[in-house]
Amino acid sequence: MRCIGIVYSTIATRQHVAVDALAGLLLGMLAAYWSLRERMRKAQQATI
């Protein structure tokens, strides 16, 4: 929910445009995916 508030506030205060906010959201989701994928791979290797 914080993410929605941050995106709204940056657009509402005209610090960024919607495209900037969308690009940041997509970049954050991609980084989270890579991070979680690496963590899962390490956890699987530790159990072997």
PDB file of N, CA and C in Angstrom:
ATOM      1  N   MET A   1       0.808  -1.195   0.000  1.00  0.00           N
ATOM      2  CA  MET A   1       0.000   0.000   0.000  1.00  0.00           C
ATOM      3  C   MET A   1       0.853   1.261   0.000  1.00  0.00           C
ATOM      4  N   ARG A   2       2.021   1.198   0.624  1.00  0.00           N
ATOM      5  CA  ARG A   2       2.885   2.377   0.626  1.00  0.00           C
ATOM      6  C   ARG A   2       3.277   2.774  -0.779  1.00  0.00           C
ATOM      7  N   CYS A   3       3.487   1.783  -1.617  1.00  0.00           N
ATOM      8  CA  CYS A   3       3.900   2.045  -2.991  1.00  0.00           C
ATOM      9  C   CYS A   3       2.871   2.914  -3.700  1.00  0.00           C
ATOM     10  N   ILE A   4       1.609   2.614  -3.507  1.00  0.00           N
ATOM     11  CA  ILE A   4       0.550   3.390  -4.147  1.00  0.00           C
ATOM     12  C   ILE A   4       0.578   4.828  -3.645  1.00  0.00           C
ATOM     13  N   GLY A   5       0.788   5.014  -2.364  1.00  0.00           N
ATOM     14  CA  GLY A   5       0.857   6.356  -1.800  1.00  0.00           C
ATOM     15  C   GLY A   5       2.043   7.146  -2.327  1.00  0.00           C
ATOM     16  N   ILE A   6       3.176   6.489  -2.452  1.00  0.00           N
ATOM     17  CA  ILE A   6       4.365   7.158  -2.968  1.00  0.00           C
ATOM     18  C   ILE A   6       4.162   7.552  -4.427  1.00  0.00           C
ATOM     19  N   VAL A   7       3.620   6.637  -5.220  1.00  0.00           N
ATOM     20  CA  VAL A   7       3.370   6.936  -6.634  1.00  0.00           C
ATOM     21  C   VAL A   7       2.390   8.095  -6.754  1.00  0.00           C
ATOM     22  N   TYR A   8       1.316   8.047  -5.988  1.00  0.00           N
ATOM     23  CA  TYR A   8       0.323   9.127  -6.055  1.00  0.00           C
ATOM     24  C   TYR A   8       0.929  10.466  -5.657  1.00  0.00           C
ATOM     25  N   SER A   9       1.692  10.469  -4.562  1.00  0.00           N
ATOM     26  CA  SER A   9       2.223  11.742  -4.085  1.00  0.00           C
ATOM     27  C   SER A   9       3.225  12.349  -5.054  1.00  0.00           C
ATOM     28  N   THR A  10       4.033  11.527  -5.714  1.00  0.00           N
ATOM     29  CA  THR A  10       4.991  12.093  -6.663  1.00  0.00           C
ATOM     30  C   THR A  10       4.288  12.660  -7.887  1.00  0.00           C
ATOM     31  N   ILE A  11       3.207  12.041  -8.295  1.00  0.00           N
ATOM     32  CA  ILE A  11       2.457  12.560  -9.445  1.00  0.00           C
ATOM     33  C   ILE A  11       1.631  13.776  -9.023  1.00  0.00           C
ATOM     34  N   ALA A  12       1.006  13.724  -7.856  1.00  0.00           N
ATOM     35  CA  ALA A  12       0.152  14.824  -7.394  1.00  0.00           C
ATOM     36  C   ALA A  12       0.946  16.105  -7.166  1.00  0.00           C
ATOM     37  N   THR A  13       2.188  15.978  -6.711  1.00  0.00           N
ATOM     38  CA  THR A  13       3.016  17.168  -6.473  1.00  0.00           C
ATOM     39  C   THR A  13       3.796  17.566  -7.717  1.00  0.00           C
ATOM     40  N   ARG A  14       3.527  16.875  -8.798  1.00  0.00           N
ATOM     41  CA  ARG A  14       4.143  17.148 -10.099  1.00  0.00           C
ATOM     42  C   ARG A  14       5.666  17.039 -10.070  1.00  0.00           C
ATOM     43  N   GLN A  15       6.178  16.119  -9.231  1.00  0.00           N
ATOM     44  CA  GLN A  15       7.609  15.865  -9.219  1.00  0.00           C
ATOM     45  C   GLN A  15       7.981  14.937 -10.377  1.00  0.00           C
ATOM     46  N   HIS A  16       7.055  14.109 -10.777  1.00  0.00           N
ATOM     47  CA  HIS A  16       7.263  13.173 -11.879  1.00  0.00           C
ATOM     48  C   HIS A  16       5.977  13.077 -12.688  1.00  0.00           C
ATOM     49  N   VAL A  17       6.091  12.517 -13.873  1.00  0.00           N
ATOM     50  CA  VAL A  17       4.904  12.248 -14.679  1.00  0.00           C
ATOM     51  C   VAL A  17       4.565  10.767 -14.545  1.00  0.00           C
ATOM     52  N   ALA A  18       3.404  10.383 -15.035  1.00  0.00           N
ATOM     53  CA  ALA A  18       2.928   9.006 -14.874  1.00  0.00           C
ATOM     54  C   ALA A  18       3.895   7.992 -15.483  1.00  0.00           C
ATOM     55  N   VAL A  19       4.530   8.344 -16.588  1.00  0.00           N
ATOM     56  CA  VAL A  19       5.468   7.410 -17.227  1.00  0.00           C
ATOM     57  C   VAL A  19       6.649   7.129 -16.311  1.00  0.00           C
ATOM     58  N   ASP A  20       7.152   8.147 -15.621  1.00  0.00           N
ATOM     59  CA  ASP A  20       8.245   7.956 -14.666  1.00  0.00           C
ATOM     60  C   ASP A  20       7.831   7.006 -13.544  1.00  0.00           C
ATOM     61  N   ALA A  21       6.634   7.232 -13.023  1.00  0.00           N
ATOM     62  CA  ALA A  21       6.150   6.391 -11.929  1.00  0.00           C
ATOM     63  C   ALA A  21       5.967   4.954 -12.388  1.00  0.00           C
ATOM     64  N   LEU A  22       5.427   4.752 -13.572  1.00  0.00           N
ATOM     65  CA  LEU A  22       5.233   3.411 -14.101  1.00  0.00           C
ATOM     66  C   LEU A  22       6.580   2.719 -14.342  1.00  0.00           C
ATOM     67  N   ALA A  23       7.540   3.445 -14.890  1.00  0.00           N
ATOM     68  CA  ALA A  23       8.867   2.870 -15.131  1.00  0.00           C
ATOM     69  C   ALA A  23       9.531   2.482 -13.810  1.00  0.00           C
ATOM     70  N   GLY A  24       9.394   3.314 -12.795  1.00  0.00           N
ATOM     71  CA  GLY A  24       9.952   2.995 -11.485  1.00  0.00           C
ATOM     72  C   GLY A  24       9.293   1.768 -10.874  1.00  0.00           C
ATOM     73  N   LEU A  25       7.993   1.657 -11.045  1.00  0.00           N
ATOM     74  CA  LEU A  25       7.262   0.500 -10.539  1.00  0.00           C
ATOM     75  C   LEU A  25       7.735  -0.785 -11.223  1.00  0.00           C
ATOM     76  N   LEU A  26       7.865  -0.736 -12.527  1.00  0.00           N
ATOM     77  CA  LEU A  26       8.327  -1.913 -13.264  1.00  0.00           C
ATOM     78  C   LEU A  26       9.764  -2.281 -12.900  1.00  0.00           C
ATOM     79  N   LEU A  27      10.617  -1.288 -12.752  1.00  0.00           N
ATOM     80  CA  LEU A  27      11.997  -1.544 -12.367  1.00  0.00           C
ATOM     81  C   LEU A  27      12.071  -2.161 -10.972  1.00  0.00           C
ATOM     82  N   GLY A  28      11.257  -1.659 -10.061  1.00  0.00           N
ATOM     83  CA  GLY A  28      11.213  -2.220  -8.709  1.00  0.00           C
ATOM     84  C   GLY A  28      10.724  -3.656  -8.696  1.00  0.00           C
ATOM     85  N   MET A  29       9.718  -3.954  -9.507  1.00  0.00           N
ATOM     86  CA  MET A  29       9.207  -5.327  -9.580  1.00  0.00           C
ATOM     87  C   MET A  29      10.254  -6.261 -10.171  1.00  0.00           C
ATOM     88  N   LEU A  30      10.984  -5.810 -11.168  1.00  0.00           N
ATOM     89  CA  LEU A  30      12.032  -6.615 -11.777  1.00  0.00           C
ATOM     90  C   LEU A  30      13.158  -6.887 -10.783  1.00  0.00           C
ATOM     91  N   ALA A  31      13.558  -5.877 -10.046  1.00  0.00           N
ATOM     92  CA  ALA A  31      14.610  -6.048  -9.038  1.00  0.00           C
ATOM     93  C   ALA A  31      14.163  -7.009  -7.935  1.00  0.00           C
ATOM     94  N   ALA A  32      12.912  -6.906  -7.516  1.00  0.00           N
ATOM     95  CA  ALA A  32      12.389  -7.818  -6.495  1.00  0.00           C
ATOM     96  C   ALA A  32      12.376  -9.253  -7.011  1.00  0.00           C
ATOM     97  N   TYR A  33      11.984  -9.440  -8.249  1.00  0.00           N
ATOM     98  CA  TYR A  33      11.959 -10.774  -8.842  1.00  0.00           C
ATOM     99  C   TYR A  33      13.356 -11.378  -8.865  1.00  0.00           C
ATOM    100  N   TRP A  34      14.339 -10.605  -9.341  1.00  0.00           N
ATOM    101  CA  TRP A  34      15.713 -11.117  -9.397  1.00  0.00           C
ATOM    102  C   TRP A  34      16.237 -11.448  -8.006  1.00  0.00           C
ATOM    103  N   SER A  35      15.941 -10.583  -7.041  1.00  0.00           N
ATOM    104  CA  SER A  35      16.407 -10.791  -5.678  1.00  0.00           C
ATOM    105  C   SER A  35      15.785 -12.049  -5.073  1.00  0.00           C
ATOM    106  N   LEU A  36      14.480 -12.206  -5.234  1.00  0.00           N
ATOM    107  CA  LEU A  36      13.811 -13.377  -4.663  1.00  0.00           C
ATOM    108  C   LEU A  36      14.233 -14.656  -5.369  1.00  0.00           C
ATOM    109  N   ARG A  37      14.468 -14.587  -6.673  1.00  0.00           N
ATOM    110  CA  ARG A  37      14.906 -15.759  -7.420  1.00  0.00           C
ATOM    111  C   ARG A  37      16.275 -16.223  -6.927  1.00  0.00           C
ATOM    112  N   GLU A  38      17.171 -15.275  -6.695  1.00  0.00           N
ATOM    113  CA  GLU A  38      18.506 -15.610  -6.190  1.00  0.00           C
ATOM    114  C   GLU A  38      18.426 -16.195  -4.786  1.00  0.00           C
ATOM    115  N   ARG A  39      17.570 -15.618  -3.954  1.00  0.00           N
ATOM    116  CA  ARG A  39      17.417 -16.117  -2.588  1.00  0.00           C
ATOM    117  C   ARG A  39      16.870 -17.543  -2.589  1.00  0.00           C
ATOM    118  N   MET A  40      15.896 -17.837  -3.458  1.00  0.00           N
ATOM    119  CA  MET A  40      15.329 -19.185  -3.535  1.00  0.00           C
ATOM    120  C   MET A  40      16.375 -20.185  -4.030  1.00  0.00           C
ATOM    121  N   ARG A  41      17.197 -19.766  -4.993  1.00  0.00           N
ATOM    122  CA  ARG A  41      18.230 -20.658  -5.512  1.00  0.00           C
ATOM    123  C   ARG A  41      19.246 -20.989  -4.422  1.00  0.00           C
ATOM    124  N   LYS A  42      19.643 -20.021  -3.644  1.00  0.00           N
ATOM    125  CA  LYS A  42      20.592 -20.256  -2.561  1.00  0.00           C
ATOM    126  C   LYS A  42      19.984 -21.155  -1.489  1.00  0.00           C
ATOM    127  N   ALA A  43      18.697 -20.978  -1.198  1.00  0.00           N
ATOM    128  CA  ALA A  43      18.034 -21.803  -0.202  1.00  0.00           C
ATOM    129  C   ALA A  43      17.946 -23.258  -0.663  1.00  0.00           C
ATOM    130  N   GLN A  44      17.709 -23.486  -1.939  1.00  0.00           N
ATOM    131  CA  GLN A  44      17.644 -24.835  -2.475  1.00  0.00           C
ATOM    132  C   GLN A  44      19.013 -25.496  -2.441  1.00  0.00           C
ATOM    133  N   GLN A  45      20.071 -24.738  -2.731  1.00  0.00           N
ATOM    134  CA  GLN A  45      21.420 -25.301  -2.700  1.00  0.00           C
ATOM    135  C   GLN A  45      21.834 -25.650  -1.278  1.00  0.00           C
ATOM    136  N   ALA A  46      21.374 -24.912  -0.298  1.00  0.00           N
ATOM    137  CA  ALA A  46      21.724 -25.152   1.082  1.00  0.00           C
ATOM    138  C   ALA A  46      21.072 -26.437   1.612  1.00  0.00           C
ATOM    139  N   THR A  47      19.928 -26.820   1.048  1.00  0.00           N
ATOM    140  CA  THR A  47      19.240 -28.017   1.517  1.00  0.00           C
ATOM    141  C   THR A  47      19.760 -29.288   0.865  1.00  0.00           C
ATOM    142  N   ILE A  48      20.551 -29.138  -0.177  1.00  0.00           N
ATOM    143  CA  ILE A  48      21.062 -30.320  -0.889  1.00  0.00           C
ATOM    144  C   ILE A  48      22.251 -30.900  -0.174  1.00  0.00           C
TER     145      ILE A  48
END
